[in-house]
Amino acid sequence: MAGRTVTGVDNASWYLPAVVLVGLTAYLVGYLEADMSWASASSYRPYAGLATTPPHDLVRPLPVEYMAVGVAGVLGGFWCGDRAEQTAAEAAR
């Protein structure tokens, strides 16, 4: 919804690549933070030795979840932004 307000793009297909971009960013951050060096002086240090601990919060969801929830979020945000613009135009009359 914020993307529609800021950019003014009326085509929803431009917002769908954002889902892939967020997913790729999550896995890039997970790859770069895989050693969990950021947890050296915190209470998370005991978890750094576990093989099942995700290195970053963005890595916890699965790619399927990013695609399912992301696409639904993009379409819902686009629809809400469209409805907000229609309501504002009707109120201005």
PDB file of N, CA and C in Angstrom:
ATOM      1  N   MET A   1       0.833  -1.177   0.000  1.00  0.00           N
ATOM      2  CA  MET A   1       0.000   0.000   0.000  1.00  0.00           C
ATOM      3  C   MET A   1       0.882   1.247   0.000  1.00  0.00           C
ATOM      4  N   ALA A   2       1.958   1.212   0.753  1.00  0.00           N
ATOM      5  CA  ALA A   2       2.879   2.353   0.772  1.00  0.00           C
ATOM      6  C   ALA A   2       3.586   2.498  -0.575  1.00  0.00           C
ATOM      7  N   GLY A   3       3.914   1.376  -1.193  1.00  0.00           N
ATOM      8  CA  GLY A   3       4.553   1.431  -2.503  1.00  0.00           C
ATOM      9  C   GLY A   3       3.653   2.059  -3.547  1.00  0.00           C
ATOM     10  N   ARG A   4       2.388   1.748  -3.491  1.00  0.00           N
ATOM     11  CA  ARG A   4       1.437   2.339  -4.440  1.00  0.00           C
ATOM     12  C   ARG A   4       1.298   3.834  -4.184  1.00  0.00           C
ATOM     13  N   THR A   5       1.277   4.232  -2.923  1.00  0.00           N
ATOM     14  CA  THR A   5       1.130   5.646  -2.578  1.00  0.00           C
ATOM     15  C   THR A   5       2.364   6.441  -3.009  1.00  0.00           C
ATOM     16  N   VAL A   6       3.546   5.882  -2.788  1.00  0.00           N
ATOM     17  CA  VAL A   6       4.779   6.608  -3.095  1.00  0.00           C
ATOM     18  C   VAL A   6       5.055   6.636  -4.584  1.00  0.00           C
ATOM     19  N   THR A   7       4.913   5.488  -5.255  1.00  0.00           N
ATOM     20  CA  THR A   7       5.283   5.419  -6.668  1.00  0.00           C
ATOM     21  C   THR A   7       4.154   5.813  -7.608  1.00  0.00           C
ATOM     22  N   GLY A   8       2.922   5.561  -7.224  1.00  0.00           N
ATOM     23  CA  GLY A   8       1.796   5.874  -8.094  1.00  0.00           C
ATOM     24  C   GLY A   8       1.616   4.898  -9.248  1.00  0.00           C
ATOM     25  N   VAL A   9       2.280   3.754  -9.199  1.00  0.00           N
ATOM     26  CA  VAL A   9       2.169   2.749 -10.253  1.00  0.00           C
ATOM     27  C   VAL A   9       0.853   1.996 -10.084  1.00  0.00           C
ATOM     28  N   ASP A  10       0.067   1.908 -11.147  1.00  0.00           N
ATOM     29  CA  ASP A  10      -1.242   1.275 -11.075  1.00  0.00           C
ATOM     30  C   ASP A  10      -1.245  -0.187 -11.499  1.00  0.00           C
ATOM     31  N   ASN A  11      -0.115  -0.726 -11.902  1.00  0.00           N
ATOM     32  CA  ASN A  11      -0.046  -2.100 -12.373  1.00  0.00           C
ATOM     33  C   ASN A  11       0.520  -2.987 -11.258  1.00  0.00           C
ATOM     34  N   ALA A  12      -0.250  -3.955 -10.811  1.00  0.00           N
ATOM     35  CA  ALA A  12       0.157  -4.805  -9.680  1.00  0.00           C
ATOM     36  C   ALA A  12       1.346  -5.701 -10.006  1.00  0.00           C
ATOM     37  N   SER A  13       1.597  -5.969 -11.272  1.00  0.00           N
ATOM     38  CA  SER A  13       2.707  -6.861 -11.623  1.00  0.00           C
ATOM     39  C   SER A  13       4.063  -6.253 -11.283  1.00  0.00           C
ATOM     40  N   TRP A  14       4.153  -4.960 -11.084  1.00  0.00           N
ATOM     41  CA  TRP A  14       5.415  -4.339 -10.687  1.00  0.00           C
ATOM     42  C   TRP A  14       5.725  -4.582  -9.223  1.00  0.00           C
ATOM     43  N   TYR A  15       4.727  -4.915  -8.433  1.00  0.00           N
ATOM     44  CA  TYR A  15       4.942  -5.147  -7.004  1.00  0.00           C
ATOM     45  C   TYR A  15       5.309  -6.594  -6.700  1.00  0.00           C
ATOM     46  N   LEU A  16       4.985  -7.496  -7.582  1.00  0.00           N
ATOM     47  CA  LEU A  16       5.266  -8.910  -7.338  1.00  0.00           C
ATOM     48  C   LEU A  16       6.758  -9.252  -7.282  1.00  0.00           C
ATOM     49  N   PRO A  17       7.626  -8.605  -8.061  1.00  0.00           N
ATOM     50  CA  PRO A  17       9.064  -8.907  -7.899  1.00  0.00           C
ATOM     51  C   PRO A  17       9.601  -8.548  -6.516  1.00  0.00           C
ATOM     52  N   ALA A  18       8.901  -7.718  -5.770  1.00  0.00           N
ATOM     53  CA  ALA A  18       9.336  -7.386  -4.410  1.00  0.00           C
ATOM     54  C   ALA A  18       9.344  -8.625  -3.525  1.00  0.00           C
ATOM     55  N   VAL A  19       8.435  -9.549  -3.764  1.00  0.00           N
ATOM     56  CA  VAL A  19       8.386 -10.792  -2.987  1.00  0.00           C
ATOM     57  C   VAL A  19       9.667 -11.592  -3.201  1.00  0.00           C
ATOM     58  N   VAL A  20      10.074 -11.718  -4.444  1.00  0.00           N
ATOM     59  CA  VAL A  20      11.300 -12.451  -4.764  1.00  0.00           C
ATOM     60  C   VAL A  20      12.512 -11.710  -4.200  1.00  0.00           C
ATOM     61  N   LEU A  21      12.511 -10.396  -4.283  1.00  0.00           N
ATOM     62  CA  LEU A  21      13.618  -9.601  -3.769  1.00  0.00           C
ATOM     63  C   LEU A  21      13.778  -9.766  -2.254  1.00  0.00           C
ATOM     64  N   VAL A  22      12.682  -9.777  -1.523  1.00  0.00           N
ATOM     65  CA  VAL A  22      12.747  -9.967  -0.072  1.00  0.00           C
ATOM     66  C   VAL A  22      13.250 -11.375   0.255  1.00  0.00           C
ATOM     67  N   GLY A  23      12.770 -12.376  -0.478  1.00  0.00           N
ATOM     68  CA  GLY A  23      13.232 -13.745  -0.253  1.00  0.00           C
ATOM     69  C   GLY A  23      14.720 -13.901  -0.527  1.00  0.00           C
ATOM     70  N   LEU A  24      15.193 -13.327  -1.627  1.00  0.00           N
ATOM     71  CA  LEU A  24      16.619 -13.403  -1.941  1.00  0.00           C
ATOM     72  C   LEU A  24      17.461 -12.629  -0.929  1.00  0.00           C
ATOM     73  N   THR A  25      16.957 -11.495  -0.481  1.00  0.00           N
ATOM     74  CA  THR A  25      17.660 -10.727   0.547  1.00  0.00           C
ATOM     75  C   THR A  25      17.770 -11.517   1.841  1.00  0.00           C
ATOM     76  N   ALA A  26      16.699 -12.216   2.188  1.00  0.00           N
ATOM     77  CA  ALA A  26      16.712 -13.023   3.407  1.00  0.00           C
ATOM     78  C   ALA A  26      17.783 -14.106   3.340  1.00  0.00           C
ATOM     79  N   TYR A  27      17.879 -14.774   2.213  1.00  0.00           N
ATOM     80  CA  TYR A  27      18.861 -15.837   2.118  1.00  0.00           C
ATOM     81  C   TYR A  27      20.279 -15.295   1.980  1.00  0.00           C
ATOM     82  N   LEU A  28      20.440 -14.117   1.406  1.00  0.00           N
ATOM     83  CA  LEU A  28      21.752 -13.494   1.355  1.00  0.00           C
ATOM     84  C   LEU A  28      22.209 -13.097   2.760  1.00  0.00           C
ATOM     85  N   VAL A  29      21.316 -12.494   3.537  1.00  0.00           N
ATOM     86  CA  VAL A  29      21.647 -12.128   4.921  1.00  0.00           C
ATOM     87  C   VAL A  29      21.940 -13.386   5.737  1.00  0.00           C
ATOM     88  N   GLY A  30      21.165 -14.431   5.528  1.00  0.00           N
ATOM     89  CA  GLY A  30      21.417 -15.689   6.227  1.00  0.00           C
ATOM     90  C   GLY A  30      22.759 -16.297   5.877  1.00  0.00           C
ATOM     91  N   TYR A  31      23.148 -16.177   4.627  1.00  0.00           N
ATOM     92  CA  TYR A  31      24.447 -16.698   4.201  1.00  0.00           C
ATOM     93  C   TYR A  31      25.586 -15.885   4.812  1.00  0.00           C
ATOM     94  N   LEU A  32      25.431 -14.559   4.801  1.00  0.00           N
ATOM     95  CA  LEU A  32      26.490 -13.706   5.325  1.00  0.00           C
ATOM     96  C   LEU A  32      26.597 -13.760   6.847  1.00  0.00           C
ATOM     97  N   GLU A  33      25.491 -14.039   7.528  1.00  0.00           N
ATOM     98  CA  GLU A  33      25.475 -14.080   8.991  1.00  0.00           C
ATOM     99  C   GLU A  33      25.489 -15.513   9.525  1.00  0.00           C
ATOM    100  N   ALA A  34      25.888 -16.478   8.714  1.00  0.00           N
ATOM    101  CA  ALA A  34      25.788 -17.885   9.089  1.00  0.00           C
ATOM    102  C   ALA A  34      26.633 -18.256  10.306  1.00  0.00           C
ATOM    103  N   ASP A  35      27.704 -17.541  10.559  1.00  0.00           N
ATOM    104  CA  ASP A  35      28.542 -17.868  11.715  1.00  0.00           C
ATOM    105  C   ASP A  35      27.985 -17.309  13.016  1.00  0.00           C
ATOM    106  N   MET A  36      26.941 -16.510  12.941  1.00  0.00           N
ATOM    107  CA  MET A  36      26.282 -15.898  14.102  1.00  0.00           C
ATOM    108  C   MET A  36      27.267 -15.115  14.960  1.00  0.00           C
ATOM    109  N   SER A  37      28.191 -14.427  14.327  1.00  0.00           N
ATOM    110  CA  SER A  37      29.160 -13.615  15.076  1.00  0.00           C
ATOM    111  C   SER A  37      28.489 -12.446  15.789  1.00  0.00           C
ATOM    112  N   TRP A  38      27.329 -12.050  15.328  1.00  0.00           N
ATOM    113  CA  TRP A  38      26.597 -10.964  15.974  1.00  0.00           C
ATOM    114  C   TRP A  38      26.119 -11.359  17.366  1.00  0.00           C
ATOM    115  N   ALA A  39      26.083 -12.646  17.674  1.00  0.00           N
ATOM    116  CA  ALA A  39      25.591 -13.124  18.968  1.00  0.00           C
ATOM    117  C   ALA A  39      26.722 -13.358  19.967  1.00  0.00           C
ATOM    118  N   SER A  40      27.892 -12.827  19.713  1.00  0.00           N
ATOM    119  CA  SER A  40      29.047 -13.128  20.557  1.00  0.00           C
ATOM    120  C   SER A  40      28.899 -12.629  21.991  1.00  0.00           C
ATOM    121  N   ALA A  41      28.300 -11.481  22.203  1.00  0.00           N
ATOM    122  CA  ALA A  41      28.212 -10.938  23.557  1.00  0.00           C
ATOM    123  C   ALA A  41      26.774 -10.855  24.053  1.00  0.00           C
ATOM    124  N   SER A  42      25.921 -11.677  23.516  1.00  0.00           N
ATOM    125  CA  SER A  42      24.515 -11.597  23.924  1.00  0.00           C
ATOM    126  C   SER A  42      24.049 -12.928  24.506  1.00  0.00           C
ATOM    127  N   SER A  43      22.819 -12.947  24.902  1.00  0.00           N
ATOM    128  CA  SER A  43      22.252 -14.172  25.476  1.00  0.00           C
ATOM    129  C   SER A  43      21.972 -15.226  24.410  1.00  0.00           C
ATOM    130  N   TYR A  44      22.142 -14.877  23.135  1.00  0.00           N
ATOM    131  CA  TYR A  44      21.916 -15.836  22.048  1.00  0.00           C
ATOM    132  C   TYR A  44      23.129 -16.719  21.783  1.00  0.00           C
ATOM    133  N   ARG A  45      24.233 -16.478  22.437  1.00  0.00           N
ATOM    134  CA  ARG A  45      25.459 -17.221  22.171  1.00  0.00           C
ATOM    135  C   ARG A  45      25.300 -18.732  22.332  1.00  0.00           C
ATOM    136  N   PRO A  46      24.576 -19.258  23.323  1.00  0.00           N
ATOM    137  CA  PRO A  46      24.431 -20.715  23.400  1.00  0.00           C
ATOM    138  C   PRO A  46      23.739 -21.327  22.180  1.00  0.00           C
ATOM    139  N   TYR A  47      22.915 -20.540  21.504  1.00  0.00           N
ATOM    140  CA  TYR A  47      22.207 -21.047  20.332  1.00  0.00           C
ATOM    141  C   TYR A  47      23.093 -21.094  19.093  1.00  0.00           C
ATOM    142  N   ALA A  48      24.202 -20.398  19.112  1.00  0.00           N
ATOM    143  CA  ALA A  48      25.074 -20.364  17.942  1.00  0.00           C
ATOM    144  C   ALA A  48      25.670 -21.735  17.642  1.00  0.00           C
ATOM    145  N   GLY A  49      25.837 -22.576  18.647  1.00  0.00           N
ATOM    146  CA  GLY A  49      26.400 -23.904  18.435  1.00  0.00           C
ATOM    147  C   GLY A  49      25.407 -24.929  17.904  1.00  0.00           C
ATOM    148  N   LEU A  50      24.136 -24.624  17.950  1.00  0.00           N
ATOM    149  CA  LEU A  50      23.130 -25.563  17.465  1.00  0.00           C
ATOM    150  C   LEU A  50      23.069 -25.557  15.949  1.00  0.00           C
ATOM    151  N   ALA A  51      22.947 -26.722  15.368  1.00  0.00           N
ATOM    152  CA  ALA A  51      22.899 -26.824  13.908  1.00  0.00           C
ATOM    153  C   ALA A  51      21.554 -26.388  13.344  1.00  0.00           C
ATOM    154  N   THR A  52      20.534 -26.338  14.174  1.00  0.00           N
ATOM    155  CA  THR A  52      19.194 -26.020  13.675  1.00  0.00           C
ATOM    156  C   THR A  52      18.791 -24.568  13.879  1.00  0.00           C
ATOM    157  N   THR A  53      19.644 -23.758  14.466  1.00  0.00           N
ATOM    158  CA  THR A  53      19.301 -22.363  14.715  1.00  0.00           C
ATOM    159  C   THR A  53      19.492 -21.552  13.446  1.00  0.00           C
ATOM    160  N   PRO A  54      18.448 -20.869  12.965  1.00  0.00           N
ATOM    161  CA  PRO A  54      18.633 -20.002  11.795  1.00  0.00           C
ATOM    162  C   PRO A  54      19.515 -18.816  12.165  1.00  0.00           C
ATOM    163  N   PRO A  55      20.402 -18.410  11.289  1.00  0.00           N
ATOM    164  CA  PRO A  55      21.327 -17.337  11.615  1.00  0.00           C
ATOM    165  C   PRO A  55      20.690 -15.955  11.665  1.00  0.00           C
ATOM    166  N   HIS A  56      19.517 -15.789  11.127  1.00  0.00           N
ATOM    167  CA  HIS A  56      18.869 -14.482  11.115  1.00  0.00           C
ATOM    168  C   HIS A  56      17.359 -14.683  11.059  1.00  0.00           C
ATOM    169  N   ASP A  57      16.598 -13.715  11.564  1.00  0.00           N
ATOM    170  CA  ASP A  57      15.140 -13.836  11.580  1.00  0.00           C
ATOM    171  C   ASP A  57      14.539 -13.929  10.180  1.00  0.00           C
ATOM    172  N   LEU A  58      15.178 -13.322   9.195  1.00  0.00           N
ATOM    173  CA  LEU A  58      14.643 -13.375   7.833  1.00  0.00           C
ATOM    174  C   LEU A  58      14.778 -14.756   7.203  1.00  0.00           C
ATOM    175  N   VAL A  59      15.619 -15.607   7.770  1.00  0.00           N
ATOM    176  CA  VAL A  59      15.845 -16.927   7.175  1.00  0.00           C
ATOM    177  C   VAL A  59      14.864 -17.962   7.704  1.00  0.00           C
ATOM    178  N   ARG A  60      14.164 -17.674   8.758  1.00  0.00           N
ATOM    179  CA  ARG A  60      13.273 -18.663   9.361  1.00  0.00           C
ATOM    180  C   ARG A  60      12.133 -19.113   8.450  1.00  0.00           C
ATOM    181  N   PRO A  61      11.451 -18.216   7.741  1.00  0.00           N
ATOM    182  CA  PRO A  61      10.394 -18.700   6.851  1.00  0.00           C
ATOM    183  C   PRO A  61      10.968 -19.476   5.665  1.00  0.00           C
ATOM    184  N   LEU A  62      10.191 -20.401   5.185  1.00  0.00           N
ATOM    185  CA  LEU A  62      10.578 -21.168   4.008  1.00  0.00           C
ATOM    186  C   LEU A  62      10.280 -20.374   2.739  1.00  0.00           C
ATOM    187  N   PRO A  63      10.933 -20.700   1.631  1.00  0.00           N
ATOM    188  CA  PRO A  63      10.633 -19.990   0.379  1.00  0.00           C
ATOM    189  C   PRO A  63       9.160 -20.076  -0.011  1.00  0.00           C
ATOM    190  N   VAL A  64       8.515 -21.189   0.312  1.00  0.00           N
ATOM    191  CA  VAL A  64       7.091 -21.329  -0.002  1.00  0.00           C
ATOM    192  C   VAL A  64       6.275 -20.309   0.783  1.00  0.00           C
ATOM    193  N   GLU A  65       6.663 -20.076   2.036  1.00  0.00           N
ATOM    194  CA  GLU A  65       5.954 -19.090   2.847  1.00  0.00           C
ATOM    195  C   GLU A  65       6.164 -17.684   2.311  1.00  0.00           C
ATOM    196  N   TYR A  66       7.375 -17.371   1.881  1.00  0.00           N
ATOM    197  CA  TYR A  66       7.612 -16.054   1.291  1.00  0.00           C
ATOM    198  C   TYR A  66       6.726 -15.856   0.065  1.00  0.00           C
ATOM    199  N   MET A  67       6.642 -16.879  -0.765  1.00  0.00           N
ATOM    200  CA  MET A  67       5.847 -16.739  -1.988  1.00  0.00           C
ATOM    201  C   MET A  67       4.358 -16.654  -1.676  1.00  0.00           C
ATOM    202  N   ALA A  68       3.867 -17.491  -0.793  1.00  0.00           N
ATOM    203  CA  ALA A  68       2.429 -17.508  -0.504  1.00  0.00           C
ATOM    204  C   ALA A  68       1.985 -16.245   0.226  1.00  0.00           C
ATOM    205  N   VAL A  69       2.648 -15.926   1.308  1.00  0.00           N
ATOM    206  CA  VAL A  69       2.263 -14.765   2.105  1.00  0.00           C
ATOM    207  C   VAL A  69       2.644 -13.473   1.384  1.00  0.00           C
ATOM    208  N   GLY A  70       3.768 -13.474   0.705  1.00  0.00           N
ATOM    209  CA  GLY A  70       4.209 -12.269   0.001  1.00  0.00           C
ATOM    210  C   GLY A  70       3.284 -11.869  -1.126  1.00  0.00           C
ATOM    211  N   VAL A  71       2.878 -12.829  -1.930  1.00  0.00           N
ATOM    212  CA  VAL A  71       1.966 -12.526  -3.034  1.00  0.00           C
ATOM    213  C   VAL A  71       0.615 -12.076  -2.488  1.00  0.00           C
ATOM    214  N   ALA A  72       0.121 -12.748  -1.460  1.00  0.00           N
ATOM    215  CA  ALA A  72      -1.149 -12.324  -0.858  1.00  0.00           C
ATOM    216  C   ALA A  72      -1.021 -10.920  -0.269  1.00  0.00           C
ATOM    217  N   GLY A  73       0.105 -10.620   0.356  1.00  0.00           N
ATOM    218  CA  GLY A  73       0.326  -9.287   0.912  1.00  0.00           C
ATOM    219  C   GLY A  73       0.415  -8.216  -0.160  1.00  0.00           C
ATOM    220  N   VAL A  74       1.077  -8.529  -1.259  1.00  0.00           N
ATOM    221  CA  VAL A  74       1.181  -7.569  -2.360  1.00  0.00           C
ATOM    222  C   VAL A  74      -0.192  -7.281  -2.953  1.00  0.00           C
ATOM    223  N   LEU A  75      -0.955  -8.317  -3.206  1.00  0.00           N
ATOM    224  CA  LEU A  75      -2.287  -8.123  -3.794  1.00  0.00           C
ATOM    225  C   LEU A  75      -3.222  -7.420  -2.820  1.00  0.00           C
ATOM    226  N   GLY A  76      -3.149  -7.772  -1.540  1.00  0.00           N
ATOM    227  CA  GLY A  76      -3.982  -7.107  -0.537  1.00  0.00           C
ATOM    228  C   GLY A  76      -3.602  -5.638  -0.372  1.00  0.00           C
ATOM    229  N   GLY A  77      -2.315  -5.346  -0.344  1.00  0.00           N
ATOM    230  CA  GLY A  77      -1.863  -3.964  -0.236  1.00  0.00           C
ATOM    231  C   GLY A  77      -2.235  -3.149  -1.454  1.00  0.00           C
ATOM    232  N   PHE A  78      -2.129  -3.765  -2.627  1.00  0.00           N
ATOM    233  CA  PHE A  78      -2.519  -3.070  -3.854  1.00  0.00           C
ATOM    234  C   PHE A  78      -4.011  -2.761  -3.852  1.00  0.00           C
ATOM    235  N   TRP A  79      -4.801  -3.731  -3.433  1.00  0.00           N
ATOM    236  CA  TRP A  79      -6.248  -3.534  -3.397  1.00  0.00           C
ATOM    237  C   TRP A  79      -6.619  -2.464  -2.367  1.00  0.00           C
ATOM    238  N   CYS A  80      -6.007  -2.505  -1.180  1.00  0.00           N
ATOM    239  CA  CYS A  80      -6.296  -1.498  -0.147  1.00  0.00           C
ATOM    240  C   CYS A  80      -5.900  -0.102  -0.618  1.00  0.00           C
ATOM    241  N   GLY A  81      -4.764   0.004  -1.284  1.00  0.00           N
ATOM    242  CA  GLY A  81      -4.339   1.297  -1.814  1.00  0.00           C
ATOM    243  C   GLY A  81      -5.295   1.821  -2.870  1.00  0.00           C
ATOM    244  N   ASP A  82      -5.792   0.918  -3.721  1.00  0.00           N
ATOM    245  CA  ASP A  82      -6.763   1.308  -4.749  1.00  0.00           C
ATOM    246  C   ASP A  82      -8.061   1.788  -4.110  1.00  0.00           C
ATOM    247  N   ARG A  83      -8.519   1.060  -3.101  1.00  0.00           N
ATOM    248  CA  ARG A  83      -9.756   1.468  -2.413  1.00  0.00           C
ATOM    249  C   ARG A  83      -9.575   2.799  -1.692  1.00  0.00           C
ATOM    250  N   ALA A  84      -8.415   3.029  -1.096  1.00  0.00           N
ATOM    251  CA  ALA A  84      -8.155   4.298  -0.410  1.00  0.00           C
ATOM    252  C   ALA A  84      -8.154   5.459  -1.397  1.00  0.00           C
ATOM    253  N   GLU A  85      -7.571   5.245  -2.581  1.00  0.00           N
ATOM    254  CA  GLU A  85      -7.574   6.291  -3.607  1.00  0.00           C
ATOM    255  C   GLU A  85      -8.991   6.570  -4.102  1.00  0.00           C
ATOM    256  N   GLN A  86      -9.783   5.522  -4.294  1.00  0.00           N
ATOM    257  CA  GLN A  86     -11.172   5.709  -4.735  1.00  0.00           C
ATOM    258  C   GLN A  86     -11.981   6.461  -3.683  1.00  0.00           C
ATOM    259  N   THR A  87     -11.788   6.110  -2.426  1.00  0.00           N
ATOM    260  CA  THR A  87     -12.515   6.784  -1.343  1.00  0.00           C
ATOM    261  C   THR A  87     -12.115   8.250  -1.246  1.00  0.00           C
ATOM    262  N   ALA A  88     -10.835   8.537  -1.384  1.00  0.00           N
ATOM    263  CA  ALA A  88     -10.360   9.917  -1.343  1.00  0.00           C
ATOM    264  C   ALA A  88     -10.899  10.719  -2.526  1.00  0.00           C
ATOM    265  N   ALA A  89     -10.971  10.092  -3.698  1.00  0.00           N
ATOM    266  CA  ALA A  89     -11.506  10.795  -4.872  1.00  0.00           C
ATOM    267  C   ALA A  89     -12.994  11.069  -4.711  1.00  0.00           C
ATOM    268  N   GLU A  90     -13.735  10.130  -4.125  1.00  0.00           N
ATOM    269  CA  GLU A  90     -15.165  10.334  -3.901  1.00  0.00           C
ATOM    270  C   GLU A  90     -15.417  11.412  -2.839  1.00  0.00           C
ATOM    271  N   ALA A  91     -14.561  11.463  -1.829  1.00  0.00           N
ATOM    272  CA  ALA A  91     -14.715  12.466  -0.776  1.00  0.00           C
ATOM    273  C   ALA A  91     -14.386  13.865  -1.264  1.00  0.00           C
ATOM    274  N   ALA A  92     -13.512  13.948  -2.280  1.00  0.00           N
ATOM    275  CA  ALA A  92     -13.109  15.243  -2.820  1.00  0.00           C
ATOM    276  C   ALA A  92     -14.187  15.857  -3.717  1.00  0.00           C
ATOM    277  N   ARG A  93     -15.147  15.070  -4.148  1.00  0.00           N
ATOM    278  CA  ARG A  93     -16.200  15.574  -5.053  1.00  0.00           C
ATOM    279  C   ARG A  93     -17.183  16.414  -4.334  1.00  0.00           C
TER     280      ARG A  93
END
